[in-house]
Amino acid sequence: MHLNIVLLEASLELVPKEIVNHPAVIKNAKRRNKKPEETLLDISLHYHAMKSLENSHKRGRPDILHQALLVILTDPVIKGNLFIHTIQSKIIKVNPNMRPPKNYLRFIGLMEQLLKYGRIPINDNESLMEVTNLTLEEIAARYNLVVLSEKGEKINPEELCKLDEKWILGIGAFPHGDFSEKILGLAKKIYSISKFPLETQQVLCRIFSACNSILGWP
């Protein structure tokens, strides 16, 4: 089954320049023998440093993306184009053949390499993940964007399995808050699959389970 997905406003970024000299950032960087600006922003490490950042409630949670990629890329049946739209509006193209590391620390190192060099692996001809020059507007022009939001029209997850290749499913990959007005304005449809707030991996698990059930897989 083909299902295009874009993970929206993903909490994935290197430590921004505004807090690069904060003691918590420097301490973590020294421990890992890295430059502060080449480490990933993580609220579990940089909580006090992040208080001054704009939209801090939506930032510093790369673990959400890690869990989402594990669900999407390890499913043996559901395939399609996969993009990551970061909180800083970078668009990352993900190779469907990628197998993300299950170990979180290895994943962090991989994402730091990706954001520093623009692709992983750095030297191979075929990239597993690559920072592109695309914009979300261009993706929304290429596909019909469906955004999942608590405020959307209630539907069963099975309905999303019927989307053809002209559609792309937008799922938030941030911890708190709602989508920006810009993103909601790009959406052709806004749906909700639960009367309860769901975390990113719960949304994906419900959709993938529904699609596998339709296909006859237990």
Protein backbone atom coordinates (compact mmCIF):
# COMPACT_ATOMS: atom_id res chain seq x y z
CA MET A 1 0.00 0.00 0.00
CA HIS A 2 1.28 3.45 -0.95
CA LEU A 3 0.91 6.22 1.63
CA ASN A 4 2.81 9.51 1.34
CA ILE A 5 3.66 11.16 4.66
CA VAL A 6 5.18 14.46 5.78
CA LEU A 7 6.05 14.87 9.46
CA LEU A 8 5.25 18.50 10.19
CA GLU A 9 7.11 21.00 12.38
CA ALA A 10 9.38 18.23 13.64
CA SER A 11 11.39 19.19 16.73
CA LEU A 12 14.71 18.63 15.01
CA GLU A 13 17.40 21.32 14.97
CA LEU A 14 20.94 22.05 16.02
CA VAL A 15 21.42 24.28 19.07
CA PRO A 16 20.53 27.82 17.86
CA LYS A 17 23.05 30.64 18.15
CA GLU A 18 20.95 32.43 20.80
CA ILE A 19 21.85 29.84 23.43
CA VAL A 20 25.09 28.38 22.10
CA ASN A 21 27.06 29.86 25.02
CA HIS A 22 24.69 28.72 27.77
CA PRO A 23 26.46 26.59 30.44
CA ALA A 24 24.08 23.64 29.92
CA VAL A 25 24.81 23.61 26.18
CA ILE A 26 28.57 23.91 26.66
CA LYS A 27 28.60 21.18 29.32
CA ASN A 28 26.82 18.69 27.07
CA ALA A 29 29.00 19.56 24.08
CA LYS A 30 32.23 19.11 26.08
CA ARG A 31 31.03 15.75 27.40
CA ARG A 32 30.53 14.58 23.82
CA ASN A 33 33.67 16.27 22.49
CA LYS A 34 31.67 18.37 20.02
CA LYS A 35 31.19 22.02 19.23
CA PRO A 36 28.02 23.37 20.93
CA GLU A 37 26.55 24.52 17.61
CA GLU A 38 26.96 21.01 16.19
CA THR A 39 24.85 19.31 18.86
CA LEU A 40 21.14 18.63 18.66
CA LEU A 41 18.74 20.77 20.69
CA ASP A 42 17.22 18.53 23.37
CA ILE A 43 14.95 19.81 26.13
CA SER A 44 16.05 17.02 28.46
CA LEU A 45 19.56 18.50 28.34
CA HIS A 46 18.89 22.15 27.55
CA TYR A 47 15.70 22.90 29.49
CA HIS A 48 16.98 26.02 31.27
CA ALA A 49 18.76 27.29 28.17
CA MET A 50 15.62 26.93 26.05
CA LYS A 51 13.35 29.10 28.20
CA SER A 52 14.24 32.21 26.18
CA LEU A 53 13.66 30.63 22.77
CA GLU A 54 10.68 31.50 20.60
CA ASN A 55 8.15 28.64 20.39
CA SER A 56 10.16 26.75 23.01
CA HIS A 57 7.12 24.53 23.75
CA LYS A 58 7.41 23.00 20.27
CA ARG A 59 11.20 22.54 20.20
CA GLY A 60 13.89 20.25 21.52
CA ARG A 61 12.12 16.89 21.17
CA PRO A 62 14.02 14.85 18.56
CA ASP A 63 12.81 11.70 20.35
CA ILE A 64 9.36 12.26 18.82
CA LEU A 65 10.84 12.09 15.33
CA HIS A 66 12.87 9.03 16.28
CA GLN A 67 9.76 7.14 17.40
CA ALA A 68 7.82 8.23 14.31
CA LEU A 69 10.53 7.06 11.92
CA LEU A 70 10.74 3.70 13.65
CA VAL A 71 7.00 3.17 13.13
CA ILE A 72 6.98 4.31 9.50
CA LEU A 73 10.19 2.79 8.18
CA THR A 74 9.93 -0.62 9.83
CA ASP A 75 6.45 -1.42 8.52
CA PRO A 76 6.84 -4.17 5.88
CA VAL A 77 3.68 -3.27 3.93
CA ILE A 78 2.97 0.48 4.03
CA LYS A 79 5.35 2.41 1.77
CA GLY A 80 5.42 5.80 0.08
CA ASN A 81 7.29 9.07 -0.14
CA LEU A 82 8.39 10.39 3.23
CA PHE A 83 9.40 13.95 4.10
CA ILE A 84 10.31 15.70 7.33
CA HIS A 85 9.37 19.35 7.69
CA THR A 86 11.34 20.77 10.63
CA ILE A 87 10.42 23.52 13.05
CA GLN A 88 12.93 25.66 11.13
CA SER A 89 11.14 24.88 7.83
CA LYS A 90 13.86 22.61 6.42
CA ILE A 91 12.52 19.83 4.20
CA ILE A 92 14.31 16.49 4.57
CA LYS A 93 13.69 13.69 2.06
CA VAL A 94 13.87 10.24 3.58
CA ASN A 95 14.78 7.18 1.54
CA PRO A 96 12.10 4.50 2.15
CA ASN A 97 14.89 1.92 2.34
CA MET A 98 16.40 3.63 5.38
CA ARG A 99 16.39 1.68 8.63
CA PRO A 100 16.72 4.18 11.48
CA PRO A 101 18.87 3.08 14.43
CA LYS A 102 16.77 1.80 17.30
CA ASN A 103 19.30 3.16 19.77
CA TYR A 104 18.40 6.79 20.55
CA LEU A 105 21.99 7.95 21.08
CA ARG A 106 23.00 6.59 17.67
CA PHE A 107 19.99 8.36 16.16
CA ILE A 108 21.07 11.67 17.74
CA GLY A 109 24.56 11.35 16.24
CA LEU A 110 23.07 10.56 12.84
CA MET A 111 20.76 13.60 12.93
CA GLU A 112 23.64 15.88 13.96
CA GLN A 113 25.58 14.62 10.97
CA LEU A 114 22.57 15.17 8.69
CA LEU A 115 22.03 18.77 9.79
CA LYS A 116 25.75 19.58 9.62
CA TYR A 117 26.52 18.08 6.20
CA GLY A 118 23.07 18.08 4.58
CA ARG A 119 22.90 14.35 3.89
CA ILE A 120 23.65 10.90 5.24
CA PRO A 121 25.75 9.00 4.40
CA ILE A 122 28.03 11.88 3.51
CA ASN A 123 29.96 10.29 0.63
CA ASP A 124 27.73 7.56 -0.81
CA ASN A 125 25.95 8.17 -4.11
CA GLU A 126 22.56 7.16 -2.68
CA SER A 127 21.51 9.20 0.35
CA LEU A 128 19.31 7.79 3.10
CA MET A 129 18.29 11.26 4.28
CA GLU A 130 18.94 14.58 2.58
CA VAL A 131 18.17 18.21 3.38
CA THR A 132 16.55 19.52 0.20
CA ASN A 133 15.85 22.96 -1.25
CA LEU A 134 12.13 22.22 -1.26
CA THR A 135 9.60 24.27 0.66
CA LEU A 136 6.41 23.03 2.27
CA GLU A 137 4.49 25.15 -0.23
CA GLU A 138 6.11 23.19 -3.07
CA ILE A 139 5.20 19.88 -1.46
CA ALA A 140 1.61 21.11 -1.00
CA ALA A 141 1.58 22.07 -4.69
CA ARG A 142 2.91 18.65 -5.72
CA TYR A 143 0.44 16.73 -3.53
CA ASN A 144 -2.92 17.38 -1.92
CA LEU A 145 -2.08 17.92 1.74
CA VAL A 146 -4.23 16.29 4.45
CA VAL A 147 -3.41 17.52 7.95
CA LEU A 148 -4.37 15.61 11.08
CA SER A 149 -5.43 17.93 13.88
CA GLU A 150 -7.56 17.62 17.02
CA LYS A 151 -9.76 20.35 15.52
CA GLY A 152 -10.34 18.51 12.26
CA GLU A 153 -13.36 16.65 10.94
CA LYS A 154 -13.71 13.30 12.72
CA ILE A 155 -13.09 10.27 10.52
CA ASN A 156 -12.07 6.64 10.99
CA PRO A 157 -8.36 5.90 10.37
CA GLU A 158 -9.40 3.45 7.63
CA GLU A 159 -10.46 6.42 5.47
CA LEU A 160 -6.84 7.61 5.29
CA CYS A 161 -5.80 4.27 3.82
CA LYS A 162 -7.86 5.12 0.74
CA LEU A 163 -5.73 8.12 -0.17
CA ASP A 164 -4.01 7.66 -3.52
CA GLU A 165 -0.56 8.83 -4.60
CA LYS A 166 -1.83 12.37 -5.30
CA TRP A 167 -2.30 12.94 -1.56
CA ILE A 168 0.16 13.39 1.29
CA LEU A 169 -0.66 12.91 4.95
CA GLY A 170 0.66 15.62 7.31
CA ILE A 171 1.24 14.54 10.91
CA GLY A 172 2.67 16.80 13.61
CA ALA A 173 6.00 15.75 15.15
CA PHE A 174 6.18 18.29 17.98
CA PRO A 175 5.21 17.96 21.67
CA HIS A 176 2.72 20.76 22.39
CA GLY A 177 0.54 23.35 20.69
CA ASP A 178 -1.16 23.41 17.31
CA PHE A 179 -0.01 23.83 13.74
CA SER A 180 0.86 27.27 12.47
CA GLU A 181 -1.79 29.09 10.48
CA LYS A 182 0.48 28.80 7.46
CA ILE A 183 0.37 25.00 7.56
CA LEU A 184 -3.39 24.87 8.12
CA GLY A 185 -3.78 27.25 5.18
CA LEU A 186 -1.93 24.84 2.89
CA ALA A 187 -4.15 21.88 3.79
CA LYS A 188 -6.79 20.65 1.38
CA LYS A 189 -8.41 18.64 4.18
CA ILE A 190 -8.10 18.71 7.99
CA TYR A 191 -9.12 15.53 9.78
CA SER A 192 -9.05 14.03 13.26
CA ILE A 193 -8.98 10.28 14.01
CA SER A 194 -9.74 10.45 17.74
CA LYS A 195 -11.73 12.43 20.27
CA PHE A 196 -8.65 12.30 22.50
CA PRO A 197 -5.29 14.05 21.98
CA LEU A 198 -2.84 11.51 20.56
CA GLU A 199 0.94 11.49 20.48
CA THR A 200 2.63 11.23 17.10
CA GLN A 201 3.51 7.55 17.36
CA GLN A 202 -0.03 6.74 18.52
CA VAL A 203 -1.47 8.45 15.45
CA LEU A 204 0.87 6.51 13.17
CA CYS A 205 0.21 3.20 14.91
CA ARG A 206 -3.57 3.62 14.54
CA ILE A 207 -3.29 4.48 10.85
CA PHE A 208 -0.81 1.73 10.02
CA SER A 209 -2.83 -0.84 11.96
CA ALA A 210 -5.98 0.17 10.07
CA CYS A 211 -4.22 -0.05 6.70
CA ASN A 212 -2.71 -3.44 7.47
CA SER A 213 -6.12 -4.70 8.57
CA ILE A 214 -7.65 -3.60 5.27
CA LEU A 215 -4.93 -5.49 3.43
CA GLY A 216 -5.73 -8.60 5.43
CA TRP A 217 -2.57 -8.61 7.52
CA PRO A 218 -3.01 -9.41 11.24
